[in-house]
Amino acid sequence: MKTVPIGVSARHIHVSRAHIDILFGEGYELTNFKELTQPGQYAAQETVAIVGPKGKFDKVRILGPARPNTQIEISRTDAFSLGVNPPVRESGQIADTPGLKVIGPKGEIDLERGAIVAARHIHFHTSDAEKWGIQDKQLLRVKLVGERPLIFEDVIARVSEQFALDMHIDTDEGNAAGVKTGDYAEVLD
């Protein structure tokens, strides 16, 4: 059986260096609050508010380190509350996505684009992918065995020497299956 740990991602934001300077002040450095499963990635101590046409969320966690582009990852339920309709996308694919206002302690940004519902995916270290015969960008079927078991189709395999084995789903998906971070899923094919 091919099992992978599950990581349920709550709403969060990745911020560019230029936007960190606007939101927190010139030269500000994010503070590592907690290491994440992917090497070199961390939840920052810092949070911001995000504002859409219909609603606002305070204390949205920044994930570090700084990224080339600012990107906000929300669930479909979050999108309804904010009043936006972001596409389901892989991280970094922010063309033709809605923007939101981001408010920090020192400034704010009106993003023209950057809000997505993250496509469910599994990070594979190259050695794990080779062992299981999985290719980068391959679409997988994955069974989540929680309170309400279900099978997800079109789970994107992301393969890199930089990754650690981990499946990423959002809170809507985790709630639908009754799973939480640290539970396991089974790769079917």
N, C-alpha and C. Protein backbone atom coordinates (compact mmCIF):
# COMPACT_ATOMS: atom_id res chain seq x y z
N MET A 1 0.85 -1.18 0.00
CA MET A 1 0.00 0.00 0.00
C MET A 1 0.89 1.24 0.00
N LYS A 2 0.52 2.23 -0.83
CA LYS A 2 1.27 3.48 -0.94
C LYS A 2 0.55 4.54 -0.10
N THR A 3 1.05 4.80 1.10
CA THR A 3 0.40 5.79 1.97
C THR A 3 1.23 7.06 2.05
N VAL A 4 0.52 8.18 2.15
CA VAL A 4 1.16 9.49 2.27
C VAL A 4 0.51 10.25 3.42
N PRO A 5 1.30 11.04 4.16
CA PRO A 5 0.71 11.87 5.21
C PRO A 5 -0.10 13.01 4.60
N ILE A 6 -1.15 13.39 5.30
CA ILE A 6 -2.02 14.48 4.84
C ILE A 6 -1.69 15.76 5.60
N GLY A 7 -1.64 16.85 4.86
CA GLY A 7 -1.54 18.18 5.45
C GLY A 7 -2.75 18.99 5.02
N VAL A 8 -3.59 19.38 5.98
CA VAL A 8 -4.77 20.20 5.67
C VAL A 8 -4.37 21.66 5.82
N SER A 9 -4.43 22.39 4.71
CA SER A 9 -4.00 23.80 4.71
C SER A 9 -5.16 24.75 4.94
N ALA A 10 -5.06 25.53 5.98
CA ALA A 10 -6.01 26.62 6.21
C ALA A 10 -5.64 27.77 5.28
N ARG A 11 -6.53 28.76 5.19
CA ARG A 11 -6.21 29.93 4.36
C ARG A 11 -4.87 30.51 4.78
N HIS A 12 -4.09 30.95 3.80
CA HIS A 12 -2.78 31.54 4.08
C HIS A 12 -2.34 32.40 2.91
N ILE A 13 -1.23 33.09 3.11
CA ILE A 13 -0.71 33.98 2.07
C ILE A 13 0.80 33.80 1.95
N HIS A 14 1.27 33.82 0.71
CA HIS A 14 2.70 33.88 0.41
C HIS A 14 2.94 35.31 -0.06
N VAL A 15 3.99 35.96 0.43
CA VAL A 15 4.18 37.38 0.18
C VAL A 15 5.53 37.63 -0.47
N SER A 16 5.55 38.55 -1.44
CA SER A 16 6.80 38.93 -2.10
C SER A 16 7.61 39.84 -1.17
N ARG A 17 8.90 39.93 -1.45
CA ARG A 17 9.78 40.80 -0.66
C ARG A 17 9.28 42.25 -0.68
N ALA A 18 8.89 42.74 -1.86
CA ALA A 18 8.41 44.13 -1.98
C ALA A 18 7.14 44.35 -1.15
N HIS A 19 6.27 43.36 -1.12
CA HIS A 19 5.03 43.51 -0.34
C HIS A 19 5.27 43.38 1.16
N ILE A 20 6.26 42.59 1.57
CA ILE A 20 6.62 42.55 3.00
C ILE A 20 7.04 43.95 3.44
N ASP A 21 7.83 44.63 2.61
CA ASP A 21 8.29 45.99 2.94
C ASP A 21 7.11 46.95 3.09
N ILE A 22 6.11 46.82 2.23
CA ILE A 22 4.93 47.70 2.31
C ILE A 22 4.09 47.37 3.55
N LEU A 23 3.85 46.09 3.78
CA LEU A 23 2.96 45.67 4.86
C LEU A 23 3.57 45.83 6.25
N PHE A 24 4.90 45.61 6.37
CA PHE A 24 5.54 45.58 7.68
C PHE A 24 6.65 46.61 7.87
N GLY A 25 7.06 47.28 6.82
CA GLY A 25 8.12 48.27 6.91
C GLY A 25 9.36 47.83 6.15
N GLU A 26 10.06 48.79 5.61
CA GLU A 26 11.25 48.53 4.79
C GLU A 26 12.26 47.65 5.51
N GLY A 27 12.67 46.56 4.85
CA GLY A 27 13.69 45.66 5.39
C GLY A 27 13.21 44.69 6.44
N TYR A 28 11.92 44.65 6.70
CA TYR A 28 11.37 43.76 7.73
C TYR A 28 11.63 42.30 7.37
N GLU A 29 11.97 41.50 8.35
CA GLU A 29 12.19 40.06 8.15
C GLU A 29 11.12 39.27 8.89
N LEU A 30 10.53 38.31 8.19
CA LEU A 30 9.52 37.45 8.80
C LEU A 30 10.14 36.61 9.92
N THR A 31 9.34 36.31 10.93
CA THR A 31 9.77 35.52 12.07
C THR A 31 9.24 34.09 11.94
N ASN A 32 10.12 33.12 12.02
CA ASN A 32 9.72 31.71 11.91
C ASN A 32 8.95 31.32 13.17
N PHE A 33 7.67 30.99 12.98
CA PHE A 33 6.80 30.56 14.07
C PHE A 33 6.81 29.04 14.20
N LYS A 34 6.77 28.33 13.04
CA LYS A 34 6.72 26.87 13.05
C LYS A 34 7.19 26.34 11.70
N GLU A 35 8.06 25.34 11.73
CA GLU A 35 8.51 24.68 10.50
C GLU A 35 7.34 23.93 9.88
N LEU A 36 7.30 23.91 8.54
CA LEU A 36 6.29 23.14 7.82
C LEU A 36 6.92 21.85 7.30
N THR A 37 6.11 20.99 6.72
CA THR A 37 6.62 19.70 6.26
C THR A 37 7.57 19.82 5.09
N GLN A 38 7.44 20.86 4.28
CA GLN A 38 8.34 21.02 3.14
C GLN A 38 9.61 21.73 3.59
N PRO A 39 10.77 21.14 3.28
CA PRO A 39 12.04 21.72 3.73
C PRO A 39 12.18 23.20 3.36
N GLY A 40 12.59 23.99 4.35
CA GLY A 40 12.81 25.42 4.14
C GLY A 40 11.56 26.28 4.22
N GLN A 41 10.40 25.66 4.36
CA GLN A 41 9.14 26.41 4.43
C GLN A 41 8.71 26.52 5.90
N TYR A 42 8.09 27.64 6.25
CA TYR A 42 7.65 27.83 7.63
C TYR A 42 6.42 28.73 7.70
N ALA A 43 5.66 28.55 8.77
CA ALA A 43 4.59 29.47 9.10
C ALA A 43 5.24 30.62 9.86
N ALA A 44 4.99 31.83 9.40
CA ALA A 44 5.56 33.00 10.05
C ALA A 44 4.70 33.43 11.25
N GLN A 45 5.32 34.11 12.18
CA GLN A 45 4.59 34.68 13.31
C GLN A 45 3.60 35.74 12.80
N GLU A 46 3.98 36.41 11.72
CA GLU A 46 3.21 37.54 11.21
C GLU A 46 1.93 37.10 10.50
N THR A 47 0.89 37.91 10.68
CA THR A 47 -0.38 37.72 10.00
C THR A 47 -0.82 39.04 9.38
N VAL A 48 -1.76 38.92 8.45
CA VAL A 48 -2.35 40.10 7.79
C VAL A 48 -3.85 39.90 7.72
N ALA A 49 -4.55 40.95 7.35
CA ALA A 49 -5.99 40.85 7.05
C ALA A 49 -6.14 40.80 5.54
N ILE A 50 -7.12 40.00 5.06
CA ILE A 50 -7.45 40.03 3.64
C ILE A 50 -8.91 40.44 3.51
N VAL A 51 -9.18 41.31 2.52
CA VAL A 51 -10.49 41.90 2.38
C VAL A 51 -10.98 41.73 0.94
N GLY A 52 -12.21 41.24 0.81
CA GLY A 52 -12.84 41.10 -0.50
C GLY A 52 -14.07 41.98 -0.57
N PRO A 53 -14.81 41.92 -1.67
CA PRO A 53 -16.00 42.75 -1.84
C PRO A 53 -17.09 42.51 -0.78
N LYS A 54 -17.16 41.29 -0.22
CA LYS A 54 -18.22 40.97 0.73
C LYS A 54 -17.76 40.71 2.15
N GLY A 55 -16.47 40.49 2.35
CA GLY A 55 -16.05 40.11 3.69
C GLY A 55 -14.57 40.28 3.93
N LYS A 56 -14.15 39.93 5.15
CA LYS A 56 -12.77 40.14 5.59
C LYS A 56 -12.38 39.01 6.53
N PHE A 57 -11.12 38.58 6.43
CA PHE A 57 -10.55 37.64 7.38
C PHE A 57 -9.34 38.32 8.02
N ASP A 58 -9.32 38.37 9.35
CA ASP A 58 -8.17 38.87 10.09
C ASP A 58 -7.23 37.71 10.40
N LYS A 59 -6.01 38.03 10.74
CA LYS A 59 -5.03 37.04 11.21
C LYS A 59 -4.80 35.90 10.23
N VAL A 60 -4.62 36.24 8.96
CA VAL A 60 -4.28 35.25 7.95
C VAL A 60 -2.77 35.04 8.00
N ARG A 61 -2.36 33.82 8.24
CA ARG A 61 -0.94 33.48 8.44
C ARG A 61 -0.14 33.65 7.15
N ILE A 62 1.03 34.25 7.28
CA ILE A 62 1.99 34.32 6.18
C ILE A 62 2.85 33.06 6.24
N LEU A 63 3.09 32.46 5.08
CA LEU A 63 4.03 31.35 4.99
C LEU A 63 5.30 31.87 4.33
N GLY A 64 6.43 31.54 4.94
CA GLY A 64 7.71 32.02 4.43
C GLY A 64 8.51 30.88 3.85
N PRO A 65 9.61 31.22 3.20
CA PRO A 65 10.16 32.57 3.02
C PRO A 65 9.41 33.36 1.94
N ALA A 66 9.89 34.58 1.67
CA ALA A 66 9.28 35.43 0.65
C ALA A 66 9.26 34.70 -0.69
N ARG A 67 8.24 34.96 -1.47
CA ARG A 67 8.05 34.35 -2.79
C ARG A 67 8.24 35.43 -3.88
N PRO A 68 8.41 34.99 -5.12
CA PRO A 68 8.52 35.99 -6.19
C PRO A 68 7.25 36.82 -6.35
N ASN A 69 6.07 36.20 -6.13
CA ASN A 69 4.80 36.90 -6.27
C ASN A 69 3.92 36.62 -5.05
N THR A 70 3.14 37.61 -4.68
CA THR A 70 2.20 37.44 -3.57
C THR A 70 1.02 36.61 -4.06
N GLN A 71 0.64 35.63 -3.26
CA GLN A 71 -0.43 34.71 -3.62
C GLN A 71 -1.23 34.37 -2.37
N ILE A 72 -2.55 34.39 -2.47
CA ILE A 72 -3.43 34.07 -1.36
C ILE A 72 -4.14 32.76 -1.68
N GLU A 73 -4.02 31.78 -0.78
CA GLU A 73 -4.67 30.48 -0.97
C GLU A 73 -5.83 30.37 0.01
N ILE A 74 -7.03 30.22 -0.56
CA ILE A 74 -8.24 30.15 0.25
C ILE A 74 -9.07 28.95 -0.20
N SER A 75 -10.00 28.54 0.64
CA SER A 75 -10.93 27.47 0.27
C SER A 75 -12.09 28.08 -0.50
N ARG A 76 -12.89 27.22 -1.11
CA ARG A 76 -14.08 27.70 -1.82
C ARG A 76 -15.04 28.39 -0.83
N THR A 77 -15.17 27.84 0.37
CA THR A 77 -16.02 28.46 1.40
C THR A 77 -15.51 29.85 1.74
N ASP A 78 -14.18 30.00 1.90
CA ASP A 78 -13.60 31.33 2.15
C ASP A 78 -13.94 32.29 1.01
N ALA A 79 -13.85 31.79 -0.23
CA ALA A 79 -14.12 32.63 -1.40
C ALA A 79 -15.54 33.18 -1.37
N PHE A 80 -16.52 32.33 -1.00
CA PHE A 80 -17.90 32.79 -0.89
C PHE A 80 -18.00 33.91 0.14
N SER A 81 -17.34 33.72 1.29
CA SER A 81 -17.39 34.73 2.36
C SER A 81 -16.75 36.04 1.94
N LEU A 82 -15.70 35.97 1.14
CA LEU A 82 -15.00 37.18 0.68
C LEU A 82 -15.69 37.83 -0.51
N GLY A 83 -16.48 37.06 -1.26
CA GLY A 83 -17.16 37.60 -2.43
C GLY A 83 -16.31 37.56 -3.69
N VAL A 84 -15.43 36.57 -3.80
CA VAL A 84 -14.61 36.41 -5.00
C VAL A 84 -14.79 34.99 -5.54
N ASN A 85 -14.36 34.78 -6.79
CA ASN A 85 -14.50 33.46 -7.41
C ASN A 85 -13.15 33.05 -8.02
N PRO A 86 -12.20 32.65 -7.16
CA PRO A 86 -10.89 32.27 -7.68
C PRO A 86 -10.92 30.90 -8.34
N PRO A 87 -10.06 30.69 -9.34
CA PRO A 87 -9.98 29.38 -9.97
C PRO A 87 -9.18 28.41 -9.10
N VAL A 88 -9.37 27.11 -9.36
CA VAL A 88 -8.53 26.08 -8.74
C VAL A 88 -7.25 26.06 -9.56
N ARG A 89 -6.12 26.27 -8.90
CA ARG A 89 -4.84 26.39 -9.60
C ARG A 89 -3.73 25.77 -8.79
N GLU A 90 -2.65 25.43 -9.49
CA GLU A 90 -1.41 25.06 -8.82
C GLU A 90 -0.77 26.32 -8.28
N SER A 91 -0.02 26.16 -7.20
CA SER A 91 0.67 27.29 -6.60
C SER A 91 1.54 27.99 -7.65
N GLY A 92 1.50 29.31 -7.63
CA GLY A 92 2.30 30.11 -8.54
C GLY A 92 1.59 30.49 -9.82
N GLN A 93 0.49 29.85 -10.14
CA GLN A 93 -0.26 30.16 -11.37
C GLN A 93 -1.36 31.17 -11.06
N ILE A 94 -0.97 32.44 -11.06
CA ILE A 94 -1.92 33.48 -10.63
C ILE A 94 -2.45 34.36 -11.76
N ALA A 95 -2.09 34.07 -13.01
CA ALA A 95 -2.64 34.84 -14.13
C ALA A 95 -4.16 34.69 -14.14
N ASP A 96 -4.84 35.78 -14.43
CA ASP A 96 -6.30 35.77 -14.54
C ASP A 96 -7.00 35.28 -13.27
N THR A 97 -6.49 35.70 -12.13
CA THR A 97 -7.13 35.39 -10.85
C THR A 97 -7.58 36.70 -10.20
N PRO A 98 -8.56 36.63 -9.31
CA PRO A 98 -9.00 37.87 -8.66
C PRO A 98 -7.97 38.35 -7.63
N GLY A 99 -8.04 39.61 -7.34
CA GLY A 99 -7.20 40.20 -6.30
C GLY A 99 -8.01 40.46 -5.05
N LEU A 100 -7.31 40.76 -3.98
CA LEU A 100 -7.91 41.12 -2.71
C LEU A 100 -7.08 42.24 -2.10
N LYS A 101 -7.65 42.91 -1.14
CA LYS A 101 -6.88 43.89 -0.37
C LYS A 101 -6.17 43.14 0.75
N VAL A 102 -4.90 43.48 0.98
CA VAL A 102 -4.11 42.88 2.05
C VAL A 102 -3.69 44.02 2.99
N ILE A 103 -3.98 43.86 4.28
CA ILE A 103 -3.70 44.92 5.25
C ILE A 103 -2.71 44.40 6.29
N GLY A 104 -1.59 45.11 6.41
CA GLY A 104 -0.59 44.81 7.42
C GLY A 104 -0.52 45.93 8.44
N PRO A 105 0.38 45.81 9.41
CA PRO A 105 0.47 46.84 10.45
C PRO A 105 1.04 48.17 9.96
N LYS A 106 1.79 48.17 8.85
CA LYS A 106 2.42 49.41 8.37
C LYS A 106 1.86 49.91 7.05
N GLY A 107 1.06 49.08 6.36
CA GLY A 107 0.54 49.50 5.06
C GLY A 107 -0.40 48.47 4.50
N GLU A 108 -0.93 48.79 3.32
CA GLU A 108 -1.85 47.87 2.66
C GLU A 108 -1.60 47.83 1.17
N ILE A 109 -2.08 46.75 0.55
CA ILE A 109 -1.87 46.52 -0.88
C ILE A 109 -3.21 46.13 -1.48
N ASP A 110 -3.53 46.70 -2.63
CA ASP A 110 -4.67 46.25 -3.42
C ASP A 110 -4.12 45.35 -4.51
N LEU A 111 -4.13 44.05 -4.26
CA LEU A 111 -3.62 43.10 -5.25
C LEU A 111 -4.52 43.07 -6.47
N GLU A 112 -3.93 43.15 -7.65
CA GLU A 112 -4.71 43.04 -8.88
C GLU A 112 -5.09 41.60 -9.15
N ARG A 113 -4.24 40.67 -8.69
CA ARG A 113 -4.47 39.23 -8.89
C ARG A 113 -3.74 38.48 -7.78
N GLY A 114 -4.05 37.18 -7.67
CA GLY A 114 -3.29 36.38 -6.71
C GLY A 114 -4.10 35.45 -5.83
N ALA A 115 -5.45 35.54 -5.85
CA ALA A 115 -6.26 34.65 -5.02
C ALA A 115 -6.56 33.36 -5.80
N ILE A 116 -6.25 32.22 -5.18
CA ILE A 116 -6.54 30.92 -5.80
C ILE A 116 -7.13 29.97 -4.76
N VAL A 117 -7.82 28.96 -5.26
CA VAL A 117 -8.14 27.77 -4.47
C VAL A 117 -7.08 26.78 -4.92
N ALA A 118 -6.22 26.37 -4.00
CA ALA A 118 -5.08 25.52 -4.37
C ALA A 118 -5.55 24.15 -4.85
N ALA A 119 -5.01 23.73 -5.96
CA ALA A 119 -5.30 22.39 -6.47
C ALA A 119 -4.71 21.37 -5.50
N ARG A 120 -5.49 20.32 -5.20
CA ARG A 120 -4.96 19.30 -4.30
C ARG A 120 -3.76 18.62 -4.99
N HIS A 121 -2.76 18.33 -4.17
CA HIS A 121 -1.52 17.80 -4.74
C HIS A 121 -0.75 17.00 -3.69
N ILE A 122 0.19 16.23 -4.19
CA ILE A 122 1.11 15.50 -3.31
C ILE A 122 2.53 15.88 -3.69
N HIS A 123 3.29 16.31 -2.69
CA HIS A 123 4.72 16.54 -2.88
C HIS A 123 5.42 15.20 -2.75
N PHE A 124 6.22 14.87 -3.74
CA PHE A 124 7.03 13.64 -3.71
C PHE A 124 8.49 14.02 -3.80
N HIS A 125 9.31 13.50 -2.90
CA HIS A 125 10.75 13.57 -3.11
C HIS A 125 11.03 12.66 -4.31
N THR A 126 12.01 13.00 -5.09
CA THR A 126 12.35 12.24 -6.30
C THR A 126 12.48 10.74 -6.01
N SER A 127 13.08 10.38 -4.88
CA SER A 127 13.28 8.97 -4.55
C SER A 127 11.95 8.25 -4.30
N ASP A 128 10.98 8.93 -3.65
CA ASP A 128 9.65 8.33 -3.43
C ASP A 128 8.93 8.15 -4.76
N ALA A 129 9.00 9.15 -5.63
CA ALA A 129 8.34 9.07 -6.93
C ALA A 129 8.92 7.93 -7.77
N GLU A 130 10.23 7.79 -7.76
CA GLU A 130 10.87 6.71 -8.52
C GLU A 130 10.45 5.35 -7.98
N LYS A 131 10.43 5.21 -6.66
CA LYS A 131 10.06 3.95 -6.02
C LYS A 131 8.63 3.54 -6.40
N TRP A 132 7.72 4.51 -6.53
CA TRP A 132 6.32 4.23 -6.82
C TRP A 132 5.97 4.36 -8.30
N GLY A 133 6.96 4.76 -9.14
CA GLY A 133 6.69 4.91 -10.57
C GLY A 133 5.81 6.10 -10.90
N ILE A 134 5.98 7.18 -10.17
CA ILE A 134 5.15 8.38 -10.35
C ILE A 134 5.97 9.48 -11.02
N GLN A 135 5.34 10.13 -12.00
CA GLN A 135 5.98 11.21 -12.76
C GLN A 135 5.47 12.57 -12.29
N ASP A 136 6.31 13.60 -12.42
CA ASP A 136 5.90 14.96 -12.10
C ASP A 136 4.69 15.35 -12.96
N LYS A 137 3.71 15.96 -12.35
CA LYS A 137 2.46 16.43 -12.97
C LYS A 137 1.48 15.31 -13.28
N GLN A 138 1.81 14.08 -12.94
CA GLN A 138 0.87 12.97 -13.14
C GLN A 138 -0.36 13.21 -12.27
N LEU A 139 -1.55 12.86 -12.79
CA LEU A 139 -2.78 12.98 -12.03
C LEU A 139 -3.08 11.64 -11.37
N LEU A 140 -3.32 11.69 -10.07
CA LEU A 140 -3.47 10.49 -9.27
C LEU A 140 -4.88 10.38 -8.68
N ARG A 141 -5.26 9.15 -8.32
CA ARG A 141 -6.46 8.89 -7.53
C ARG A 141 -5.98 8.56 -6.12
N VAL A 142 -6.59 9.21 -5.14
CA VAL A 142 -6.14 9.06 -3.76
C VAL A 142 -7.34 8.86 -2.85
N LYS A 143 -7.26 7.84 -2.00
CA LYS A 143 -8.34 7.54 -1.06
C LYS A 143 -8.02 8.11 0.31
N LEU A 144 -8.94 8.92 0.84
CA LEU A 144 -8.82 9.45 2.19
C LEU A 144 -9.73 8.62 3.09
N VAL A 145 -9.14 8.04 4.11
CA VAL A 145 -9.91 7.17 5.01
C VAL A 145 -10.09 7.90 6.33
N GLY A 146 -11.17 8.65 6.40
CA GLY A 146 -11.49 9.37 7.62
C GLY A 146 -12.87 8.98 8.08
N GLU A 147 -13.51 9.89 8.78
CA GLU A 147 -14.87 9.68 9.24
C GLU A 147 -15.82 9.42 8.08
N ARG A 148 -15.53 10.09 6.96
CA ARG A 148 -16.36 9.98 5.76
C ARG A 148 -15.44 9.71 4.57
N PRO A 149 -14.99 8.47 4.42
CA PRO A 149 -14.00 8.15 3.38
C PRO A 149 -14.46 8.60 1.99
N LEU A 150 -13.50 9.04 1.21
CA LEU A 150 -13.79 9.41 -0.17
C LEU A 150 -12.54 9.27 -1.02
N ILE A 151 -12.74 9.27 -2.32
CA ILE A 151 -11.63 9.16 -3.26
C ILE A 151 -11.55 10.46 -4.04
N PHE A 152 -10.37 11.07 -4.03
CA PHE A 152 -10.12 12.27 -4.83
C PHE A 152 -9.51 11.87 -6.16
N GLU A 153 -10.03 12.45 -7.22
CA GLU A 153 -9.48 12.30 -8.56
C GLU A 153 -8.58 13.51 -8.85
N ASP A 154 -7.73 13.39 -9.85
CA ASP A 154 -6.93 14.52 -10.33
C ASP A 154 -6.07 15.18 -9.27
N VAL A 155 -5.46 14.38 -8.42
CA VAL A 155 -4.51 14.89 -7.44
C VAL A 155 -3.16 15.01 -8.16
N ILE A 156 -2.61 16.20 -8.18
CA ILE A 156 -1.40 16.47 -8.96
C ILE A 156 -0.16 15.98 -8.20
N ALA A 157 0.67 15.20 -8.88
CA ALA A 157 1.96 14.79 -8.33
C ALA A 157 2.97 15.88 -8.62
N ARG A 158 3.63 16.36 -7.58
CA ARG A 158 4.69 17.37 -7.74
C ARG A 158 5.98 16.72 -7.22
N VAL A 159 6.93 16.52 -8.12
CA VAL A 159 8.13 15.76 -7.82
C VAL A 159 9.35 16.68 -7.86
N SER A 160 10.16 16.63 -6.79
CA SER A 160 11.38 17.43 -6.74
C SER A 160 12.32 16.87 -5.67
N GLU A 161 13.60 17.08 -5.88
CA GLU A 161 14.61 16.76 -4.85
C GLU A 161 14.40 17.62 -3.60
N GLN A 162 13.69 18.75 -3.76
CA GLN A 162 13.47 19.69 -2.66
C GLN A 162 12.28 19.33 -1.78
N PHE A 163 11.46 18.36 -2.21
CA PHE A 163 10.21 18.08 -1.51
C PHE A 163 10.33 16.92 -0.53
N ALA A 164 9.42 16.93 0.45
CA ALA A 164 9.21 15.81 1.37
C ALA A 164 7.81 15.28 1.09
N LEU A 165 7.62 13.98 1.23
CA LEU A 165 6.34 13.33 0.93
C LEU A 165 5.22 13.90 1.81
N ASP A 166 4.19 14.48 1.17
CA ASP A 166 3.09 15.10 1.90
C ASP A 166 1.98 15.45 0.92
N MET A 167 0.73 15.12 1.27
CA MET A 167 -0.43 15.50 0.46
C MET A 167 -1.01 16.79 1.03
N HIS A 168 -1.29 17.75 0.16
CA HIS A 168 -1.88 19.02 0.60
C HIS A 168 -3.30 19.15 0.05
N ILE A 169 -4.24 19.32 0.99
CA ILE A 169 -5.63 19.60 0.66
C ILE A 169 -6.07 20.81 1.49
N ASP A 170 -7.19 21.43 1.09
CA ASP A 170 -7.64 22.58 1.87
C ASP A 170 -8.67 22.14 2.92
N THR A 171 -9.12 23.09 3.71
CA THR A 171 -10.01 22.77 4.82
C THR A 171 -11.35 22.20 4.35
N ASP A 172 -11.87 22.67 3.22
CA ASP A 172 -13.12 22.11 2.70
C ASP A 172 -12.94 20.63 2.39
N GLU A 173 -11.84 20.29 1.74
CA GLU A 173 -11.58 18.89 1.37
C GLU A 173 -11.35 18.03 2.61
N GLY A 174 -10.59 18.55 3.56
CA GLY A 174 -10.35 17.82 4.80
C GLY A 174 -11.63 17.57 5.56
N ASN A 175 -12.49 18.59 5.64
CA ASN A 175 -13.76 18.44 6.34
C ASN A 175 -14.68 17.45 5.62
N ALA A 176 -14.67 17.46 4.29
CA ALA A 176 -15.53 16.55 3.53
C ALA A 176 -15.20 15.09 3.84
N ALA A 177 -13.92 14.80 4.06
CA ALA A 177 -13.50 13.42 4.33
C ALA A 177 -13.39 13.12 5.83
N GLY A 178 -13.46 14.14 6.65
CA GLY A 178 -13.29 13.94 8.08
C GLY A 178 -11.87 13.60 8.46
N VAL A 179 -10.89 14.21 7.76
CA VAL A 179 -9.48 13.97 8.07
C VAL A 179 -8.83 15.25 8.59
N LYS A 180 -7.68 15.07 9.21
CA LYS A 180 -6.92 16.21 9.73
C LYS A 180 -5.45 16.03 9.40
N THR A 181 -4.68 17.07 9.60
CA THR A 181 -3.24 17.00 9.39
C THR A 181 -2.67 15.87 10.23
N GLY A 182 -1.83 15.06 9.60
CA GLY A 182 -1.21 13.93 10.28
C GLY A 182 -1.88 12.60 9.98
N ASP A 183 -3.12 12.64 9.46
CA ASP A 183 -3.76 11.41 9.01
C ASP A 183 -3.07 10.96 7.72
N TYR A 184 -3.43 9.78 7.23
CA TYR A 184 -2.81 9.25 6.02
C TYR A 184 -3.82 8.98 4.93
N ALA A 185 -3.36 9.08 3.69
CA ALA A 185 -4.16 8.78 2.51
C ALA A 185 -3.44 7.67 1.74
N GLU A 186 -4.20 6.98 0.90
CA GLU A 186 -3.66 5.89 0.10
C GLU A 186 -3.69 6.28 -1.38
N VAL A 187 -2.52 6.24 -2.04
CA VAL A 187 -2.45 6.49 -3.47
C VAL A 187 -2.92 5.22 -4.18
N LEU A 188 -4.00 5.34 -4.95
CA LEU A 188 -4.58 4.18 -5.64
C LEU A 188 -3.92 3.97 -7.00
N ASP A 189 -3.80 5.03 -7.78
CA ASP A 189 -3.12 4.97 -9.09
C ASP A 189 -2.91 6.37 -9.62
